[in-house]
Amino acid sequence: MTVPPAPRAATPWPRQVLAPLALAQFVCSFAGSNMNVMIKDISADLDTTVQGVQITITAFLLVMAALMIPGGILSDRYGRKRCLVVGLAVYGAGALLSAAAPGLGVLILGNSILEGVGTALLIPPVYILTTLLFTELPDRARAFGAIMAMGGIGAAAGPLIGGLITWAIGWRAAFVFQALVVVVIIVLSRHVHDPLPPDPECEVDTGGAVLSAGGLVLVVLGILAADDNGWWTLGLLSAGILVLIGFFRWVRARERAGAQPLLPTALFRDRTSNLGLITQHVQWLLLMGISFTVAAYLQVVRGYDAISTGVIFTASTAGLLISSLGAQRFARRREQRSLVMAGFVTTVCGIGVLIGLAHGSPNVWLFTPGLLLIGLGLGVMLTPSVTIVQSSFSEDLQGEISGLSRSVSNLGSSVGTAVAGTILVADPAVGPYATALVVLAVIGLGGLVAAARLPHGRGQRPS
């Protein structure tokens, strides 16, 4: 008689490891959206304009996107735990400098540059360490789900938390709050251990990093210049595209020469992964674009203060939280492709409701149904898109695809703020407000088309 094997003891869920990683994603996402409700306060205090605040927010998101991939390479070379802690320290220093900023220039240095660089150093280790520490597939899926949920909640709750802090103390205190959260994360991270030693021989592709960052910066600058001069926009966008083409030629040349490129071309050969990256880009574009558009309109046109604006955004935060908490249950019942498609449909419908109910109406609470639908839609699809992309590659490419995935998402956030802000800042009245939302809805439909082209049954579990 064959004796059945003894059941393997269940591995305890490592909350001590997951907590600092998820909090790190939360605070970085929070930083990208909480300034939206401070537009009026910062503009008055620093004697700047709405466009000045928009540039600060967009530059922060752009620095993240441009440096995220090099940050992943540095993690391999110097160690993931070390880069996590150094990134947190740089981020915290930037937050404190922003809190003490006497003018827009110092705010850009602290928030856009230092916090952006810190984020680019600390986020790649979050995703690489998650891949390395959570070796069981179900555990890894849960961990990625928790981290992505915290990221989405941080972005959605940023206006509410930022509004509360600004109303109670002042906008500068919101940056002090970020620094305090960073201190908590550093303390909690003592439980995180890097399972792999640093690789000092890991080659850093400096040329590739410069070309990729330069191309992304030029593209976003072209979008920001759209309200000033069409020729500048065309020139910057064309230059950015040419630089990015040069980046891909550089990568192929290094691979042919046997050198280590910034990104292997294998990451761009998987059709499913490419479509998943498009959906990620559009999701964060919608999240940040809608947040900036609605927040700017409520403050500049309606004259609402930070706390009132933040309270209105409670609807989207609640929707995202509800759908994120149910993400694991949804994943067991529906394939990832269906969840992403349902998320885009719900989000676009939410934008339509937002325009239809709130357009020109004096009742500000009519924003609630649309924002609730938008939060529900975004929460449903954030985690499935990451799972689709991560599951398309083997273990040895998880670090590279994690960096690319975060870079694409942050680029979406930057482009969303730039596109929406450029339309709105030109003349922030009801017409441009509706126009910005219509443009975002059309982009959301493009994301739905990309999701519909995803193959059935892919991305059910990360590799």
Protein backbone atom coordinates (compact mmCIF):
# COMPACT_ATOMS: atom_id res chain seq x y z
CA MET A 1 0.00 0.00 0.00
CA THR A 2 1.42 3.35 -1.03
CA VAL A 3 1.63 5.88 1.75
CA PRO A 4 0.50 9.31 0.55
CA PRO A 5 3.04 12.06 1.02
CA ALA A 6 2.62 14.20 4.09
CA PRO A 7 1.10 17.58 3.34
CA ARG A 8 3.63 20.37 3.19
CA ALA A 9 3.41 22.83 6.04
CA ALA A 10 1.91 26.11 4.96
CA THR A 11 4.39 28.94 4.75
CA PRO A 12 3.26 31.86 6.91
CA TRP A 13 2.29 34.97 5.01
CA PRO A 14 5.29 37.34 5.51
CA ARG A 15 3.46 40.54 6.45
CA GLN A 16 6.64 42.05 7.90
CA VAL A 17 8.25 41.89 4.46
CA LEU A 18 5.23 43.00 2.47
CA ALA A 19 4.32 45.99 4.66
CA PRO A 20 7.35 48.22 3.84
CA LEU A 21 7.24 47.27 0.15
CA ALA A 22 3.54 48.12 -0.16
CA LEU A 23 3.96 51.34 1.87
CA ALA A 24 6.82 52.41 -0.43
CA GLN A 25 4.54 52.09 -3.45
CA PHE A 26 1.77 53.91 -1.56
CA VAL A 27 3.84 56.97 -0.66
CA CYS A 28 5.24 57.33 -4.20
CA SER A 29 1.77 57.13 -5.74
CA PHE A 30 0.43 59.49 -3.07
CA ALA A 31 3.12 62.04 -3.98
CA GLY A 32 1.97 62.03 -7.60
CA SER A 33 -1.61 63.06 -6.83
CA ASN A 34 -1.81 64.85 -3.48
CA MET A 35 -0.55 68.14 -4.91
CA ASN A 36 -3.62 68.34 -7.15
CA VAL A 37 -5.72 69.71 -4.28
CA MET A 38 -3.02 72.22 -3.28
CA ILE A 39 -2.98 74.08 -6.60
CA LYS A 40 -4.61 77.23 -5.25
CA ASP A 41 -2.68 77.24 -1.94
CA ILE A 42 0.74 76.65 -3.53
CA SER A 43 0.08 79.19 -6.29
CA ALA A 44 -0.82 81.89 -3.75
CA ASP A 45 1.98 81.08 -1.29
CA LEU A 46 4.79 80.79 -3.85
CA ASP A 47 3.44 83.52 -6.15
CA THR A 48 3.17 81.18 -9.13
CA THR A 49 0.42 79.97 -11.48
CA VAL A 50 -1.60 76.82 -12.05
CA GLN A 51 0.77 76.00 -14.90
CA GLY A 52 3.74 76.26 -12.54
CA VAL A 53 2.20 73.67 -10.22
CA GLN A 54 1.30 71.49 -13.22
CA ILE A 55 4.92 71.57 -14.41
CA THR A 56 6.11 70.55 -10.93
CA ILE A 57 3.74 67.57 -10.82
CA THR A 58 4.50 66.51 -14.38
CA ALA A 59 8.27 66.84 -13.87
CA PHE A 60 8.11 64.60 -10.79
CA LEU A 61 6.27 61.89 -12.71
CA LEU A 62 8.57 62.31 -15.71
CA VAL A 63 11.78 61.97 -13.67
CA MET A 64 10.37 58.73 -12.24
CA ALA A 65 9.57 57.38 -15.69
CA ALA A 66 12.90 58.40 -17.21
CA LEU A 67 15.07 56.92 -14.44
CA MET A 68 13.03 53.84 -13.46
CA ILE A 69 14.83 51.45 -15.83
CA PRO A 70 18.36 52.59 -14.86
CA GLY A 71 17.19 52.29 -11.24
CA GLY A 72 16.51 48.60 -11.83
CA ILE A 73 20.02 48.08 -13.20
CA LEU A 74 21.57 49.86 -10.21
CA SER A 75 19.56 47.58 -7.92
CA ASP A 76 21.25 44.55 -9.43
CA ARG A 77 24.69 46.12 -9.23
CA TYR A 78 24.61 47.56 -5.71
CA GLY A 79 21.94 45.41 -4.08
CA ARG A 80 18.18 45.74 -3.93
CA LYS A 81 17.93 46.39 -0.18
CA ARG A 82 20.64 49.05 -0.35
CA CYS A 83 18.99 50.87 -3.27
CA LEU A 84 15.64 50.69 -1.48
CA VAL A 85 17.01 52.41 1.62
CA VAL A 86 19.09 54.97 -0.32
CA GLY A 87 16.08 55.79 -2.50
CA LEU A 88 13.92 56.30 0.58
CA ALA A 89 16.54 58.61 2.10
CA VAL A 90 16.79 60.72 -1.06
CA TYR A 91 13.00 60.83 -1.29
CA GLY A 92 12.68 61.93 2.34
CA ALA A 93 15.27 64.68 1.85
CA GLY A 94 13.35 65.94 -1.17
CA ALA A 95 10.10 65.97 0.80
CA LEU A 96 11.64 68.04 3.60
CA LEU A 97 13.19 70.47 1.09
CA SER A 98 9.79 70.84 -0.59
CA ALA A 99 8.18 71.59 2.78
CA ALA A 100 10.61 74.48 3.29
CA ALA A 101 10.55 75.76 -0.31
CA PRO A 102 10.56 79.58 -0.53
CA GLY A 103 9.73 79.55 -4.23
CA LEU A 104 8.78 77.40 -7.20
CA GLY A 105 12.39 76.63 -8.13
CA VAL A 106 13.19 75.01 -4.78
CA LEU A 107 9.87 73.15 -4.87
CA ILE A 108 10.80 71.69 -8.26
CA LEU A 109 14.25 70.74 -6.93
CA GLY A 110 12.82 69.02 -3.87
CA ASN A 111 9.64 67.47 -5.25
CA SER A 112 10.34 66.95 -8.94
CA ILE A 113 14.06 66.14 -8.85
CA LEU A 114 14.98 64.64 -5.47
CA GLU A 115 11.68 62.86 -4.83
CA GLY A 116 11.64 61.71 -8.46
CA VAL A 117 15.19 60.33 -8.26
CA GLY A 118 14.44 58.69 -4.91
CA THR A 119 11.35 57.03 -6.33
CA ALA A 120 13.29 55.73 -9.34
CA LEU A 121 15.82 54.15 -6.96
CA LEU A 122 13.34 52.58 -4.53
CA ILE A 123 10.50 51.32 -6.73
CA PRO A 124 12.45 48.76 -8.85
CA PRO A 125 13.72 47.01 -5.68
CA VAL A 126 10.12 46.81 -4.42
CA TYR A 127 9.05 44.72 -7.42
CA ILE A 128 12.29 42.73 -7.76
CA LEU A 129 12.31 41.85 -4.05
CA THR A 130 8.66 40.82 -4.27
CA THR A 131 9.53 38.46 -7.13
CA LEU A 132 12.51 37.00 -5.25
CA LEU A 133 11.01 36.74 -1.77
CA PHE A 134 7.58 35.38 -2.70
CA THR A 135 8.61 32.20 -4.46
CA GLU A 136 5.24 30.42 -4.37
CA LEU A 137 3.04 31.50 -7.27
CA PRO A 138 -0.14 32.14 -5.23
CA ASP A 139 1.85 34.13 -2.66
CA ARG A 140 3.49 36.20 -5.36
CA ALA A 141 0.13 36.94 -6.96
CA ARG A 142 -1.24 38.09 -3.60
CA ALA A 143 1.84 40.21 -2.93
CA PHE A 144 1.70 41.95 -6.31
CA GLY A 145 -2.02 42.49 -5.80
CA ALA A 146 -1.44 44.10 -2.40
CA ILE A 147 1.34 46.36 -3.70
CA MET A 148 -0.62 47.47 -6.76
CA ALA A 149 -3.71 48.05 -4.61
CA MET A 150 -1.68 50.26 -2.26
CA GLY A 151 -0.32 52.15 -5.26
CA GLY A 152 -3.77 52.74 -6.66
CA ILE A 153 -5.17 53.72 -3.26
CA GLY A 154 -2.25 56.10 -2.71
CA ALA A 155 -2.95 57.83 -6.01
CA ALA A 156 -6.71 57.93 -5.44
CA ALA A 157 -6.54 58.92 -1.75
CA GLY A 158 -3.82 61.52 -2.37
CA PRO A 159 -6.32 64.35 -2.94
CA LEU A 160 -8.33 63.48 0.19
CA ILE A 161 -5.34 63.07 2.53
CA GLY A 162 -3.55 66.04 1.01
CA GLY A 163 -6.72 68.13 1.32
CA LEU A 164 -7.18 67.22 4.98
CA ILE A 165 -3.57 68.06 5.84
CA THR A 166 -3.65 71.31 3.86
CA TRP A 167 -6.91 72.37 5.50
CA ALA A 168 -5.80 71.49 9.03
CA ILE A 169 -2.17 72.66 8.93
CA GLY A 170 -1.02 73.81 5.50
CA TRP A 171 0.26 72.44 2.20
CA ARG A 172 3.84 72.23 3.49
CA ALA A 173 2.75 69.74 6.16
CA ALA A 174 1.76 67.29 3.41
CA PHE A 175 5.44 66.97 2.49
CA VAL A 176 6.39 66.52 6.15
CA PHE A 177 3.81 63.72 6.26
CA GLN A 178 5.60 62.02 3.33
CA ALA A 179 8.94 62.31 5.14
CA LEU A 180 7.43 60.72 8.28
CA VAL A 181 6.03 57.82 6.23
CA VAL A 182 9.49 57.34 4.71
CA VAL A 183 11.00 57.07 8.21
CA VAL A 184 8.41 54.40 9.09
CA ILE A 185 9.25 52.46 5.91
CA ILE A 186 12.99 52.57 6.65
CA VAL A 187 12.34 51.21 10.14
CA LEU A 188 10.06 48.45 8.82
CA SER A 189 12.51 47.54 6.05
CA ARG A 190 14.90 46.04 8.59
CA HIS A 191 12.83 42.86 8.17
CA VAL A 192 13.54 42.82 4.42
CA HIS A 193 16.56 40.76 3.39
CA ASP A 194 17.97 40.65 -0.13
CA PRO A 195 18.14 36.96 -1.14
CA LEU A 196 20.76 37.66 -3.82
CA PRO A 197 24.14 39.34 -3.35
CA PRO A 198 24.98 42.50 -5.31
CA ASP A 199 26.61 42.00 -8.70
CA PRO A 200 29.46 44.54 -8.98
CA GLU A 201 30.20 43.21 -12.48
CA CYS A 202 26.72 44.22 -13.68
CA GLU A 203 27.33 46.70 -16.48
CA VAL A 204 25.38 49.96 -16.50
CA ASP A 205 24.41 51.05 -20.01
CA THR A 206 24.95 54.79 -19.55
CA GLY A 207 24.38 55.60 -23.23
CA GLY A 208 21.10 53.72 -23.28
CA ALA A 209 19.97 55.42 -20.06
CA VAL A 210 20.70 58.88 -21.49
CA LEU A 211 18.92 58.13 -24.77
CA SER A 212 15.81 56.62 -23.15
CA ALA A 213 15.51 59.42 -20.58
CA GLY A 214 16.12 62.11 -23.20
CA GLY A 215 13.49 60.72 -25.54
CA LEU A 216 10.83 60.52 -22.82
CA VAL A 217 11.59 64.05 -21.58
CA LEU A 218 11.31 65.51 -25.09
CA VAL A 219 7.97 63.79 -25.74
CA VAL A 220 6.40 65.09 -22.52
CA LEU A 221 7.86 68.58 -23.04
CA GLY A 222 6.25 68.56 -26.47
CA ILE A 223 2.86 67.88 -24.89
CA LEU A 224 3.38 70.63 -22.31
CA ALA A 225 4.28 73.13 -25.06
CA ALA A 226 1.02 72.50 -26.95
CA ASP A 227 -0.76 75.50 -25.42
CA ASP A 228 2.07 77.91 -26.33
CA ASN A 229 3.32 77.11 -29.82
CA GLY A 230 2.35 74.38 -32.27
CA TRP A 231 5.75 74.40 -33.94
CA TRP A 232 7.50 73.85 -30.62
CA THR A 233 5.20 70.93 -29.94
CA LEU A 234 5.86 69.36 -33.33
CA GLY A 235 9.60 69.88 -33.01
CA LEU A 236 9.88 68.45 -29.49
CA LEU A 237 7.67 65.45 -30.24
CA SER A 238 9.61 64.71 -33.43
CA ALA A 239 12.93 65.04 -31.62
CA GLY A 240 11.71 62.76 -28.83
CA ILE A 241 10.58 60.07 -31.28
CA LEU A 242 13.90 60.23 -33.13
CA VAL A 243 15.84 59.91 -29.86
CA LEU A 244 13.75 56.88 -28.83
CA ILE A 245 14.36 55.29 -32.23
CA GLY A 246 18.06 55.93 -31.63
CA PHE A 247 17.73 54.24 -28.24
CA PHE A 248 16.34 51.03 -29.78
CA ARG A 249 19.09 51.04 -32.43
CA TRP A 250 21.64 51.48 -29.63
CA VAL A 251 20.16 48.51 -27.74
CA ARG A 252 20.32 46.25 -30.82
CA ALA A 253 23.90 47.32 -31.51
CA ARG A 254 25.00 46.49 -27.95
CA GLU A 255 23.31 43.09 -28.10
CA ARG A 256 25.05 42.28 -31.40
CA ALA A 257 28.37 43.31 -29.82
CA GLY A 258 27.74 41.00 -26.83
CA ALA A 259 27.44 43.91 -24.37
CA GLN A 260 24.71 44.31 -21.73
CA PRO A 261 22.01 46.75 -22.97
CA LEU A 262 19.79 48.83 -20.73
CA LEU A 263 16.85 46.63 -21.80
CA PRO A 264 17.01 43.38 -23.78
CA THR A 265 15.02 43.48 -27.01
CA ALA A 266 13.34 40.22 -25.88
CA LEU A 267 11.09 42.36 -23.66
CA PHE A 268 9.48 43.90 -26.75
CA ARG A 269 8.92 40.71 -28.74
CA ASP A 270 6.04 39.32 -26.69
CA ARG A 271 2.73 40.54 -28.09
CA THR A 272 0.79 39.86 -24.90
CA SER A 273 3.29 41.79 -22.79
CA ASN A 274 3.25 44.73 -25.22
CA LEU A 275 -0.53 44.94 -25.07
CA GLY A 276 -0.42 44.65 -21.28
CA LEU A 277 2.08 47.52 -21.09
CA ILE A 278 -0.25 49.66 -23.23
CA THR A 279 -3.13 49.00 -20.84
CA GLN A 280 -0.93 49.90 -17.85
CA HIS A 281 0.13 53.14 -19.52
CA VAL A 282 -3.46 54.14 -20.27
CA GLN A 283 -4.72 53.21 -16.78
CA TRP A 284 -2.28 55.52 -15.01
CA LEU A 285 -2.78 58.20 -17.67
CA LEU A 286 -6.50 58.15 -16.89
CA LEU A 287 -6.01 58.08 -13.12
CA MET A 288 -3.67 61.08 -13.01
CA GLY A 289 -5.28 62.96 -15.90
CA ILE A 290 -8.77 62.81 -14.39
CA SER A 291 -7.46 63.68 -10.93
CA PHE A 292 -5.64 66.78 -12.17
CA THR A 293 -8.51 67.93 -14.41
CA VAL A 294 -11.24 67.66 -11.79
CA ALA A 295 -9.08 69.08 -8.97
CA ALA A 296 -7.94 72.07 -11.05
CA TYR A 297 -11.49 72.79 -12.21
CA LEU A 298 -12.94 72.64 -8.69
CA GLN A 299 -10.30 74.99 -7.28
CA VAL A 300 -9.75 77.45 -10.13
CA VAL A 301 -13.28 77.67 -11.56
CA ARG A 302 -15.52 76.74 -8.60
CA GLY A 303 -13.24 78.26 -5.95
CA TYR A 304 -13.23 75.25 -3.62
CA ASP A 305 -10.50 74.90 -1.03
CA ALA A 306 -8.22 71.89 -0.55
CA ILE A 307 -10.41 70.05 1.97
CA SER A 308 -13.60 70.44 -0.07
CA THR A 309 -11.83 69.20 -3.18
CA GLY A 310 -10.35 66.26 -1.30
CA VAL A 311 -13.71 65.26 0.17
CA ILE A 312 -15.26 65.14 -3.30
CA PHE A 313 -12.51 62.73 -4.36
CA THR A 314 -13.57 60.35 -1.58
CA ALA A 315 -15.91 58.74 -4.10
CA SER A 316 -13.08 57.62 -6.40
CA THR A 317 -10.98 56.49 -3.43
CA ALA A 318 -13.86 54.40 -2.10
CA GLY A 319 -14.50 52.86 -5.52
CA LEU A 320 -10.85 51.96 -6.03
CA LEU A 321 -10.58 50.52 -2.52
CA ILE A 322 -13.72 48.37 -2.94
CA SER A 323 -12.66 46.94 -6.30
CA SER A 324 -9.03 46.44 -5.20
CA LEU A 325 -10.11 44.47 -2.15
CA GLY A 326 -12.19 42.23 -4.39
CA ALA A 327 -9.46 41.83 -7.01
CA GLN A 328 -8.33 38.41 -5.77
CA ARG A 329 -11.91 37.09 -5.75
CA PHE A 330 -12.53 38.48 -9.23
CA ALA A 331 -9.32 36.85 -10.51
CA ARG A 332 -10.54 33.42 -9.39
CA ARG A 333 -13.78 33.81 -11.34
CA ARG A 334 -12.75 35.75 -14.45
CA GLU A 335 -9.65 35.78 -16.64
CA GLN A 336 -7.36 38.78 -16.48
CA ARG A 337 -8.30 39.96 -19.98
CA SER A 338 -11.98 40.20 -19.02
CA LEU A 339 -11.17 42.16 -15.87
CA VAL A 340 -9.06 44.69 -17.77
CA MET A 341 -11.78 45.16 -20.39
CA ALA A 342 -14.47 45.55 -17.72
CA GLY A 343 -12.29 48.13 -15.97
CA PHE A 344 -11.91 50.25 -19.09
CA VAL A 345 -15.64 50.09 -19.87
CA THR A 346 -16.54 51.14 -16.32
CA THR A 347 -13.97 53.96 -16.30
CA VAL A 348 -15.08 55.41 -19.63
CA CYS A 349 -18.72 55.21 -18.49
CA GLY A 350 -17.67 57.06 -15.33
CA ILE A 351 -16.13 59.85 -17.41
CA GLY A 352 -19.36 60.06 -19.40
CA VAL A 353 -21.42 60.32 -16.21
CA LEU A 354 -18.99 62.94 -14.89
CA ILE A 355 -19.48 65.10 -17.97
CA GLY A 356 -23.23 64.55 -18.20
CA LEU A 357 -24.12 65.24 -14.57
CA ALA A 358 -21.52 67.79 -13.49
CA HIS A 359 -21.23 69.84 -16.70
CA GLY A 360 -22.23 73.35 -15.71
CA SER A 361 -24.25 72.20 -12.68
CA PRO A 362 -23.90 74.21 -9.46
CA ASN A 363 -24.32 71.01 -7.39
CA VAL A 364 -20.78 69.80 -6.75
CA TRP A 365 -22.00 66.45 -5.37
CA LEU A 366 -22.99 65.45 -8.89
CA PHE A 367 -19.30 64.66 -9.35
CA THR A 368 -19.70 61.71 -6.97
CA PRO A 369 -21.36 59.07 -9.23
CA GLY A 370 -18.83 59.55 -12.02
CA LEU A 371 -15.82 59.52 -9.71
CA LEU A 372 -17.16 56.39 -7.99
CA LEU A 373 -17.44 54.55 -11.32
CA ILE A 374 -13.95 55.71 -12.31
CA GLY A 375 -12.49 54.41 -9.04
CA LEU A 376 -14.28 51.07 -9.43
CA GLY A 377 -13.05 50.67 -13.01
CA LEU A 378 -9.44 51.52 -12.27
CA GLY A 379 -9.32 49.29 -9.20
CA VAL A 380 -10.58 46.29 -11.17
CA MET A 381 -7.86 46.44 -13.81
CA LEU A 382 -4.67 47.72 -12.16
CA THR A 383 -3.50 44.37 -10.78
CA PRO A 384 -4.54 42.16 -13.76
CA SER A 385 -2.48 44.28 -16.16
CA VAL A 386 0.64 43.87 -14.02
CA THR A 387 0.02 40.14 -13.73
CA ILE A 388 -0.34 39.82 -17.50
CA VAL A 389 2.99 41.57 -18.11
CA GLN A 390 4.94 39.84 -15.33
CA SER A 391 3.66 36.39 -16.32
CA SER A 392 4.92 36.80 -19.87
CA PHE A 393 8.57 36.35 -18.88
CA SER A 394 10.73 33.90 -16.95
CA GLU A 395 12.49 34.51 -13.64
CA ASP A 396 15.74 35.78 -15.19
CA LEU A 397 13.93 38.72 -16.84
CA GLN A 398 11.72 39.70 -13.90
CA GLY A 399 14.01 42.56 -12.86
CA GLU A 400 14.07 44.08 -16.34
CA ILE A 401 10.35 43.72 -17.00
CA SER A 402 9.55 45.15 -13.55
CA GLY A 403 11.58 48.26 -14.36
CA LEU A 404 10.00 48.61 -17.79
CA SER A 405 6.52 48.09 -16.35
CA ARG A 406 6.96 50.79 -13.70
CA SER A 407 8.53 53.16 -16.24
CA VAL A 408 5.60 52.75 -18.63
CA SER A 409 3.09 53.30 -15.81
CA ASN A 410 4.85 56.43 -14.55
CA LEU A 411 5.14 57.75 -18.07
CA GLY A 412 1.37 57.31 -18.34
CA SER A 413 0.92 59.36 -15.15
CA SER A 414 3.17 62.10 -16.53
CA VAL A 415 1.48 62.17 -19.93
CA GLY A 416 -1.97 62.18 -18.31
CA THR A 417 -1.16 65.23 -16.21
CA ALA A 418 0.51 66.94 -19.18
CA VAL A 419 -2.36 66.28 -21.62
CA ALA A 420 -5.17 67.18 -19.23
CA GLY A 421 -3.33 70.15 -17.76
CA THR A 422 -2.38 71.57 -21.14
CA ILE A 423 -6.02 71.59 -22.26
CA LEU A 424 -7.32 72.95 -18.97
CA VAL A 425 -4.64 75.53 -18.17
CA ALA A 426 -5.18 77.31 -21.49
CA ASP A 427 -8.59 78.51 -20.21
CA PRO A 428 -9.89 76.59 -17.20
CA ALA A 429 -13.58 77.13 -17.86
CA VAL A 430 -16.36 74.60 -18.32
CA GLY A 431 -15.61 74.11 -22.05
CA PRO A 432 -11.94 73.09 -21.70
CA TYR A 433 -12.83 71.03 -18.63
CA ALA A 434 -15.30 68.95 -20.65
CA THR A 435 -12.85 68.82 -23.56
CA ALA A 436 -10.10 67.42 -21.35
CA LEU A 437 -12.43 64.69 -20.06
CA VAL A 438 -13.59 63.83 -23.58
CA VAL A 439 -9.96 63.46 -24.69
CA LEU A 440 -9.29 61.19 -21.71
CA ALA A 441 -12.38 59.12 -22.54
CA VAL A 442 -11.14 58.63 -26.12
CA ILE A 443 -7.75 57.51 -24.79
CA GLY A 444 -9.59 55.12 -22.46
CA LEU A 445 -11.37 53.61 -25.47
CA GLY A 446 -7.93 53.07 -27.01
CA GLY A 447 -6.94 51.15 -23.88
CA LEU A 448 -10.10 49.06 -24.23
CA VAL A 449 -9.14 48.16 -27.81
CA ALA A 450 -5.68 47.04 -26.62
CA ALA A 451 -7.26 44.97 -23.83
CA ALA A 452 -9.66 43.32 -26.29
CA ARG A 453 -6.68 42.13 -28.35
CA LEU A 454 -5.15 40.30 -25.38
CA PRO A 455 -5.31 36.50 -25.85
CA HIS A 456 -7.68 34.49 -23.69
CA GLY A 457 -6.27 32.64 -20.71
CA ARG A 458 -2.93 34.51 -20.45
CA GLY A 459 -1.64 36.07 -17.28
CA GLN A 460 -3.58 33.95 -14.84
CA ARG A 461 -0.56 33.52 -12.61
CA PRO A 462 2.85 35.24 -12.65
CA SER A 463 5.75 33.10 -13.83
